[in-house]
Amino acid sequence: MRGSWIAVNNWLVRHARRRVSPAHLLVLLPRCLQRTGCGQDVVADLEACRRCGQCDLAVLIRLRAETGVRFHVAGGGRAALALTRRTDVRAVVACACEKELLEGICAAFPKPVLAISNETPEGLCRNTRVATERLYEAIRAMIRT
């Protein structure tokens, strides 16, 4: 059911064609993308990632450099919401589980949020993955060129 609501939201956001400059787009990522046991504090600073390739963060850091968009790893829903409420954020691309995405879409309203469900091969909140091509496509759909 959540997936259907997220799909409708994404359709509405894409068809509204509201685009922002890369400086005003925020990409939110969940902490669970980081490999369990990694000692790097990527929530405080994504640059702390060693880019070892054991999780998707290294690819996402390259994507950040390529697009010029701000990426943040949120430690939870409240931290993510605080980031979306910043006045310099005009649109959001978010990756998380469906429950968090749906809550975030509602909480961030009226700011547009394109939502990408993360993949959970080891269960919820543990070593999750993101389809980087889908994330890149969502970023391209939101930025003004």
N, C-alpha and C. Protein backbone atom coordinates (compact mmCIF):
# COMPACT_ATOMS: atom_id res chain seq x y z
N MET A 1 0.81 -1.19 0.00
CA MET A 1 0.00 0.00 0.00
C MET A 1 0.87 1.27 0.00
N ARG A 2 1.92 1.27 0.86
CA ARG A 2 2.80 2.44 0.91
C ARG A 2 3.46 2.70 -0.44
N GLY A 3 3.84 1.60 -1.09
CA GLY A 3 4.49 1.72 -2.38
C GLY A 3 3.61 2.42 -3.40
N SER A 4 2.32 2.19 -3.33
CA SER A 4 1.38 2.84 -4.25
C SER A 4 1.33 4.35 -3.99
N TRP A 5 1.29 4.75 -2.72
CA TRP A 5 1.27 6.17 -2.38
C TRP A 5 2.55 6.85 -2.83
N ILE A 6 3.67 6.16 -2.65
CA ILE A 6 4.96 6.72 -3.07
C ILE A 6 5.00 6.87 -4.58
N ALA A 7 4.48 5.88 -5.30
CA ALA A 7 4.45 5.94 -6.76
C ALA A 7 3.59 7.11 -7.24
N VAL A 8 2.46 7.33 -6.60
CA VAL A 8 1.59 8.46 -6.97
C VAL A 8 2.31 9.78 -6.68
N ASN A 9 2.94 9.87 -5.52
CA ASN A 9 3.71 11.09 -5.20
C ASN A 9 4.77 11.34 -6.25
N ASN A 10 5.54 10.32 -6.60
CA ASN A 10 6.62 10.50 -7.58
C ASN A 10 6.06 10.93 -8.94
N TRP A 11 4.94 10.37 -9.32
CA TRP A 11 4.32 10.75 -10.59
C TRP A 11 3.92 12.24 -10.56
N LEU A 12 3.30 12.66 -9.47
CA LEU A 12 2.88 14.05 -9.34
C LEU A 12 4.08 15.00 -9.35
N VAL A 13 5.13 14.64 -8.62
CA VAL A 13 6.32 15.50 -8.55
C VAL A 13 6.97 15.60 -9.92
N ARG A 14 7.12 14.47 -10.60
CA ARG A 14 7.75 14.49 -11.93
C ARG A 14 6.93 15.30 -12.94
N HIS A 15 5.62 15.17 -12.88
CA HIS A 15 4.78 15.86 -13.86
C HIS A 15 4.55 17.33 -13.53
N ALA A 16 4.86 17.73 -12.33
CA ALA A 16 4.79 19.15 -11.99
C ALA A 16 5.96 19.90 -12.62
N ARG A 17 7.00 19.15 -12.96
CA ARG A 17 8.19 19.69 -13.63
C ARG A 17 8.79 20.88 -12.90
N ARG A 18 8.75 20.83 -11.60
CA ARG A 18 9.38 21.88 -10.79
C ARG A 18 10.85 21.52 -10.62
N ARG A 19 11.69 22.33 -11.19
CA ARG A 19 13.13 22.06 -11.15
C ARG A 19 13.83 23.13 -10.35
N VAL A 20 14.92 22.73 -9.72
CA VAL A 20 15.69 23.65 -8.89
C VAL A 20 17.15 23.58 -9.29
N SER A 21 17.91 24.57 -8.87
CA SER A 21 19.35 24.52 -9.12
C SER A 21 19.96 23.44 -8.23
N PRO A 22 21.10 22.88 -8.62
CA PRO A 22 21.73 21.84 -7.80
C PRO A 22 21.97 22.30 -6.35
N ALA A 23 22.23 23.59 -6.16
CA ALA A 23 22.48 24.10 -4.81
C ALA A 23 21.24 24.03 -3.91
N HIS A 24 20.06 23.93 -4.50
CA HIS A 24 18.82 23.91 -3.72
C HIS A 24 18.19 22.53 -3.63
N LEU A 25 18.86 21.53 -4.17
CA LEU A 25 18.36 20.15 -4.09
C LEU A 25 19.12 19.40 -3.01
N LEU A 26 18.39 18.70 -2.18
CA LEU A 26 18.98 17.89 -1.12
C LEU A 26 18.71 16.42 -1.41
N VAL A 27 19.75 15.61 -1.37
CA VAL A 27 19.61 14.16 -1.48
C VAL A 27 19.81 13.59 -0.09
N LEU A 28 18.77 12.95 0.43
CA LEU A 28 18.81 12.35 1.76
C LEU A 28 19.01 10.85 1.65
N LEU A 29 19.95 10.34 2.41
CA LEU A 29 20.28 8.93 2.40
C LEU A 29 20.16 8.37 3.82
N PRO A 30 19.76 7.11 3.96
CA PRO A 30 19.65 6.53 5.29
C PRO A 30 21.00 6.00 5.79
N ARG A 31 21.18 6.02 7.07
CA ARG A 31 22.39 5.51 7.69
C ARG A 31 22.59 4.02 7.37
N CYS A 32 21.52 3.30 7.17
CA CYS A 32 21.63 1.85 6.95
C CYS A 32 22.27 1.49 5.61
N LEU A 33 22.57 2.48 4.76
CA LEU A 33 23.34 2.20 3.55
C LEU A 33 24.78 1.85 3.89
N GLN A 34 25.26 2.36 5.02
CA GLN A 34 26.63 2.09 5.44
C GLN A 34 26.74 0.65 5.93
N ARG A 35 27.79 -0.01 5.54
CA ARG A 35 28.01 -1.41 5.90
C ARG A 35 28.14 -1.55 7.42
N THR A 36 27.44 -2.52 7.99
CA THR A 36 27.53 -2.80 9.41
C THR A 36 28.99 -3.11 9.77
N GLY A 37 29.47 -2.50 10.83
CA GLY A 37 30.85 -2.72 11.26
C GLY A 37 31.83 -1.69 10.77
N CYS A 38 31.40 -0.85 9.83
CA CYS A 38 32.27 0.22 9.35
C CYS A 38 32.40 1.26 10.46
N GLY A 39 33.60 1.66 10.76
CA GLY A 39 33.83 2.59 11.85
C GLY A 39 33.78 4.05 11.46
N GLN A 40 33.56 4.34 10.18
CA GLN A 40 33.55 5.73 9.72
C GLN A 40 32.23 6.39 10.09
N ASP A 41 32.29 7.65 10.52
CA ASP A 41 31.09 8.39 10.91
C ASP A 41 30.59 9.20 9.71
N VAL A 42 29.86 8.54 8.82
CA VAL A 42 29.37 9.22 7.61
C VAL A 42 28.15 10.07 7.88
N VAL A 43 27.51 9.90 9.04
CA VAL A 43 26.38 10.75 9.38
C VAL A 43 26.88 12.17 9.65
N ALA A 44 27.97 12.28 10.37
CA ALA A 44 28.54 13.59 10.67
C ALA A 44 29.16 14.22 9.43
N ASP A 45 29.82 13.39 8.60
CA ASP A 45 30.50 13.91 7.42
C ASP A 45 30.65 12.79 6.39
N LEU A 46 29.97 12.92 5.27
CA LEU A 46 30.03 11.89 4.23
C LEU A 46 31.45 11.70 3.71
N GLU A 47 32.26 12.74 3.80
CA GLU A 47 33.66 12.65 3.36
C GLU A 47 34.48 11.68 4.22
N ALA A 48 33.96 11.29 5.37
CA ALA A 48 34.66 10.33 6.22
C ALA A 48 34.69 8.94 5.61
N CYS A 49 33.84 8.71 4.61
CA CYS A 49 33.80 7.40 3.93
C CYS A 49 35.16 7.10 3.32
N ARG A 50 35.65 5.88 3.53
CA ARG A 50 36.96 5.47 2.98
C ARG A 50 36.84 5.01 1.53
N ARG A 51 35.61 4.88 1.03
CA ARG A 51 35.36 4.46 -0.35
C ARG A 51 35.95 3.07 -0.63
N CYS A 52 35.71 2.17 0.32
CA CYS A 52 36.24 0.81 0.20
C CYS A 52 35.43 -0.06 -0.77
N GLY A 53 34.20 0.37 -1.09
CA GLY A 53 33.39 -0.38 -2.04
C GLY A 53 32.51 -1.45 -1.41
N GLN A 54 32.49 -1.57 -0.10
CA GLN A 54 31.66 -2.58 0.55
C GLN A 54 30.19 -2.15 0.66
N CYS A 55 29.94 -0.87 0.42
CA CYS A 55 28.56 -0.39 0.41
C CYS A 55 28.42 0.59 -0.76
N ASP A 56 27.23 1.14 -0.94
CA ASP A 56 26.97 2.03 -2.08
C ASP A 56 27.46 3.46 -1.87
N LEU A 57 27.98 3.80 -0.70
CA LEU A 57 28.34 5.19 -0.43
C LEU A 57 29.43 5.72 -1.35
N ALA A 58 30.40 4.90 -1.72
CA ALA A 58 31.47 5.38 -2.61
C ALA A 58 30.91 5.81 -3.96
N VAL A 59 29.99 5.04 -4.50
CA VAL A 59 29.35 5.39 -5.77
C VAL A 59 28.54 6.67 -5.61
N LEU A 60 27.87 6.82 -4.49
CA LEU A 60 27.04 8.00 -4.26
C LEU A 60 27.90 9.25 -4.09
N ILE A 61 29.08 9.11 -3.52
CA ILE A 61 29.97 10.25 -3.39
C ILE A 61 30.44 10.72 -4.77
N ARG A 62 30.70 9.78 -5.66
CA ARG A 62 31.05 10.15 -7.04
C ARG A 62 29.87 10.83 -7.73
N LEU A 63 28.67 10.34 -7.48
CA LEU A 63 27.47 10.93 -8.05
C LEU A 63 27.29 12.36 -7.53
N ARG A 64 27.58 12.57 -6.27
CA ARG A 64 27.50 13.92 -5.69
C ARG A 64 28.46 14.87 -6.40
N ALA A 65 29.67 14.40 -6.62
CA ALA A 65 30.68 15.25 -7.29
C ALA A 65 30.25 15.55 -8.73
N GLU A 66 29.64 14.60 -9.38
CA GLU A 66 29.22 14.76 -10.77
C GLU A 66 28.05 15.73 -10.92
N THR A 67 27.12 15.70 -9.97
CA THR A 67 25.91 16.51 -10.09
C THR A 67 25.99 17.85 -9.37
N GLY A 68 26.87 17.97 -8.38
CA GLY A 68 26.96 19.21 -7.62
C GLY A 68 25.84 19.39 -6.61
N VAL A 69 25.15 18.32 -6.29
CA VAL A 69 24.02 18.35 -5.37
C VAL A 69 24.50 17.99 -3.97
N ARG A 70 23.84 18.52 -2.96
CA ARG A 70 24.18 18.18 -1.56
C ARG A 70 23.62 16.81 -1.19
N PHE A 71 24.45 15.98 -0.63
CA PHE A 71 24.05 14.67 -0.12
C PHE A 71 24.25 14.67 1.39
N HIS A 72 23.27 14.15 2.11
CA HIS A 72 23.39 14.00 3.56
C HIS A 72 22.93 12.61 3.95
N VAL A 73 23.66 12.00 4.86
CA VAL A 73 23.24 10.75 5.47
C VAL A 73 22.54 11.13 6.77
N ALA A 74 21.28 10.79 6.88
CA ALA A 74 20.49 11.15 8.06
C ALA A 74 20.52 10.00 9.06
N GLY A 75 20.68 10.35 10.31
CA GLY A 75 20.70 9.34 11.37
C GLY A 75 19.32 8.87 11.77
N GLY A 76 18.29 9.49 11.25
CA GLY A 76 16.92 9.12 11.58
C GLY A 76 15.94 10.09 10.96
N GLY A 77 14.67 9.83 11.18
CA GLY A 77 13.61 10.64 10.58
C GLY A 77 13.61 12.09 11.03
N ARG A 78 13.88 12.33 12.31
CA ARG A 78 13.89 13.71 12.81
C ARG A 78 15.03 14.52 12.20
N ALA A 79 16.18 13.89 12.09
CA ALA A 79 17.32 14.58 11.49
C ALA A 79 17.04 14.88 10.02
N ALA A 80 16.43 13.94 9.33
CA ALA A 80 16.09 14.14 7.92
C ALA A 80 15.09 15.28 7.78
N LEU A 81 14.09 15.30 8.63
CA LEU A 81 13.08 16.35 8.57
C LEU A 81 13.69 17.73 8.83
N ALA A 82 14.60 17.80 9.77
CA ALA A 82 15.26 19.08 10.06
C ALA A 82 16.02 19.57 8.84
N LEU A 83 16.66 18.67 8.11
CA LEU A 83 17.38 19.06 6.90
C LEU A 83 16.42 19.56 5.82
N THR A 84 15.28 18.91 5.67
CA THR A 84 14.33 19.33 4.63
C THR A 84 13.69 20.67 4.94
N ARG A 85 13.65 21.05 6.19
CA ARG A 85 13.02 22.32 6.58
C ARG A 85 13.93 23.53 6.40
N ARG A 86 15.18 23.30 6.05
CA ARG A 86 16.08 24.43 5.82
C ARG A 86 15.55 25.29 4.67
N THR A 87 15.71 26.59 4.77
CA THR A 87 15.15 27.50 3.77
C THR A 87 15.87 27.39 2.43
N ASP A 88 17.13 26.96 2.43
CA ASP A 88 17.86 26.83 1.17
C ASP A 88 17.54 25.53 0.43
N VAL A 89 16.77 24.65 1.04
CA VAL A 89 16.34 23.41 0.39
C VAL A 89 14.98 23.65 -0.25
N ARG A 90 14.92 23.49 -1.57
CA ARG A 90 13.66 23.73 -2.27
C ARG A 90 13.05 22.45 -2.83
N ALA A 91 13.83 21.37 -2.87
CA ALA A 91 13.33 20.08 -3.33
C ALA A 91 14.23 18.99 -2.75
N VAL A 92 13.68 17.77 -2.67
CA VAL A 92 14.39 16.67 -2.02
C VAL A 92 14.28 15.42 -2.88
N VAL A 93 15.38 14.69 -2.96
CA VAL A 93 15.38 13.32 -3.46
C VAL A 93 15.76 12.48 -2.25
N ALA A 94 14.91 11.54 -1.88
CA ALA A 94 15.14 10.77 -0.66
C ALA A 94 15.19 9.28 -0.96
N CYS A 95 16.09 8.62 -0.29
CA CYS A 95 16.20 7.17 -0.35
C CYS A 95 16.01 6.65 1.06
N ALA A 96 15.11 5.71 1.24
CA ALA A 96 14.86 5.11 2.56
C ALA A 96 13.89 3.95 2.37
N CYS A 97 13.48 3.36 3.49
CA CYS A 97 12.45 2.32 3.42
C CYS A 97 11.10 3.01 3.17
N GLU A 98 10.12 2.27 2.71
CA GLU A 98 8.83 2.87 2.33
C GLU A 98 8.17 3.59 3.49
N LYS A 99 8.25 3.05 4.69
CA LYS A 99 7.63 3.69 5.85
C LYS A 99 8.22 5.08 6.08
N GLU A 100 9.55 5.17 6.09
CA GLU A 100 10.21 6.46 6.31
C GLU A 100 9.94 7.42 5.16
N LEU A 101 9.92 6.90 3.93
CA LEU A 101 9.66 7.76 2.78
C LEU A 101 8.27 8.39 2.85
N LEU A 102 7.28 7.58 3.15
CA LEU A 102 5.92 8.10 3.20
C LEU A 102 5.77 9.15 4.30
N GLU A 103 6.35 8.89 5.46
CA GLU A 103 6.29 9.87 6.54
C GLU A 103 7.04 11.15 6.15
N GLY A 104 8.18 10.99 5.49
CA GLY A 104 8.98 12.15 5.08
C GLY A 104 8.30 12.99 4.02
N ILE A 105 7.64 12.34 3.07
CA ILE A 105 6.92 13.07 2.02
C ILE A 105 5.85 13.95 2.66
N CYS A 106 5.11 13.39 3.59
CA CYS A 106 4.05 14.14 4.26
C CYS A 106 4.63 15.27 5.10
N ALA A 107 5.70 15.00 5.83
CA ALA A 107 6.28 16.00 6.72
C ALA A 107 6.95 17.14 5.96
N ALA A 108 7.52 16.86 4.80
CA ALA A 108 8.22 17.88 4.02
C ALA A 108 7.29 18.74 3.19
N PHE A 109 6.04 18.35 3.05
CA PHE A 109 5.08 19.10 2.23
C PHE A 109 5.09 20.56 2.67
N PRO A 110 5.11 21.51 1.75
CA PRO A 110 4.83 21.45 0.32
C PRO A 110 6.06 21.28 -0.57
N LYS A 111 7.23 21.04 0.02
CA LYS A 111 8.41 20.84 -0.81
C LYS A 111 8.28 19.53 -1.57
N PRO A 112 8.65 19.53 -2.84
CA PRO A 112 8.54 18.29 -3.62
C PRO A 112 9.62 17.29 -3.19
N VAL A 113 9.20 16.04 -3.06
CA VAL A 113 10.11 14.96 -2.68
C VAL A 113 9.95 13.82 -3.68
N LEU A 114 11.05 13.48 -4.37
CA LEU A 114 11.07 12.27 -5.17
C LEU A 114 11.64 11.18 -4.28
N ALA A 115 10.94 10.07 -4.18
CA ALA A 115 11.29 9.03 -3.23
C ALA A 115 11.77 7.77 -3.94
N ILE A 116 12.90 7.24 -3.46
CA ILE A 116 13.48 6.01 -4.00
C ILE A 116 13.55 5.00 -2.86
N SER A 117 12.82 3.91 -2.97
CA SER A 117 12.87 2.87 -1.93
C SER A 117 14.20 2.16 -1.98
N ASN A 118 14.78 1.97 -0.78
CA ASN A 118 16.04 1.25 -0.76
C ASN A 118 15.79 -0.26 -0.81
N GLU A 119 16.82 -0.99 -1.17
CA GLU A 119 16.75 -2.45 -1.27
C GLU A 119 17.24 -3.03 0.05
N THR A 120 16.57 -4.06 0.53
CA THR A 120 16.88 -4.61 1.85
C THR A 120 17.24 -6.09 1.76
N PRO A 121 18.38 -6.43 1.17
CA PRO A 121 18.74 -7.84 1.02
C PRO A 121 18.99 -8.56 2.34
N GLU A 122 19.34 -7.81 3.39
CA GLU A 122 19.60 -8.43 4.70
C GLU A 122 18.56 -8.04 5.73
N GLY A 123 17.41 -7.55 5.28
CA GLY A 123 16.36 -7.11 6.18
C GLY A 123 16.39 -5.61 6.38
N LEU A 124 15.37 -5.11 7.03
CA LEU A 124 15.25 -3.67 7.25
C LEU A 124 16.40 -3.14 8.10
N CYS A 125 16.87 -1.97 7.75
CA CYS A 125 17.85 -1.20 8.53
C CYS A 125 19.21 -1.89 8.69
N ARG A 126 19.55 -2.78 7.77
CA ARG A 126 20.84 -3.46 7.87
C ARG A 126 21.42 -3.66 6.48
N ASN A 127 22.54 -3.00 6.23
CA ASN A 127 23.26 -3.15 4.96
C ASN A 127 22.35 -3.02 3.75
N THR A 128 21.57 -1.96 3.74
CA THR A 128 20.64 -1.75 2.63
C THR A 128 21.41 -1.24 1.41
N ARG A 129 20.74 -1.25 0.29
CA ARG A 129 21.34 -0.81 -0.97
C ARG A 129 20.40 0.18 -1.63
N VAL A 130 20.93 0.92 -2.60
CA VAL A 130 20.10 1.82 -3.39
C VAL A 130 20.43 1.58 -4.86
N ALA A 131 19.40 1.61 -5.68
CA ALA A 131 19.61 1.51 -7.12
C ALA A 131 20.17 2.86 -7.57
N THR A 132 21.48 2.93 -7.73
CA THR A 132 22.13 4.21 -8.01
C THR A 132 21.64 4.83 -9.31
N GLU A 133 21.31 4.03 -10.29
CA GLU A 133 20.81 4.58 -11.56
C GLU A 133 19.46 5.26 -11.36
N ARG A 134 18.60 4.67 -10.54
CA ARG A 134 17.30 5.30 -10.24
C ARG A 134 17.50 6.61 -9.47
N LEU A 135 18.47 6.61 -8.56
CA LEU A 135 18.75 7.82 -7.81
C LEU A 135 19.28 8.92 -8.73
N TYR A 136 20.19 8.55 -9.62
CA TYR A 136 20.74 9.51 -10.57
C TYR A 136 19.64 10.07 -11.47
N GLU A 137 18.75 9.21 -11.91
CA GLU A 137 17.62 9.64 -12.76
C GLU A 137 16.72 10.62 -12.00
N ALA A 138 16.48 10.35 -10.73
CA ALA A 138 15.65 11.24 -9.92
C ALA A 138 16.32 12.61 -9.75
N ILE A 139 17.63 12.61 -9.54
CA ILE A 139 18.35 13.87 -9.42
C ILE A 139 18.25 14.66 -10.71
N ARG A 140 18.47 13.99 -11.84
CA ARG A 140 18.38 14.67 -13.14
C ARG A 140 16.99 15.23 -13.38
N ALA A 141 15.97 14.53 -12.90
CA ALA A 141 14.59 15.00 -13.08
C ALA A 141 14.30 16.26 -12.26
N MET A 142 15.07 16.48 -11.20
CA MET A 142 14.78 17.59 -10.30
C MET A 142 15.65 18.82 -10.52
N ILE A 143 16.81 18.66 -11.18
CA ILE A 143 17.68 19.84 -11.29
C ILE A 143 17.46 20.57 -12.61
N ARG A 144 17.60 21.87 -12.51
CA ARG A 144 17.49 22.76 -13.65
C ARG A 144 18.83 22.76 -14.35
N THR A 145 18.80 22.59 -15.65
CA THR A 145 20.06 22.60 -16.42
C THR A 145 20.18 23.85 -17.25
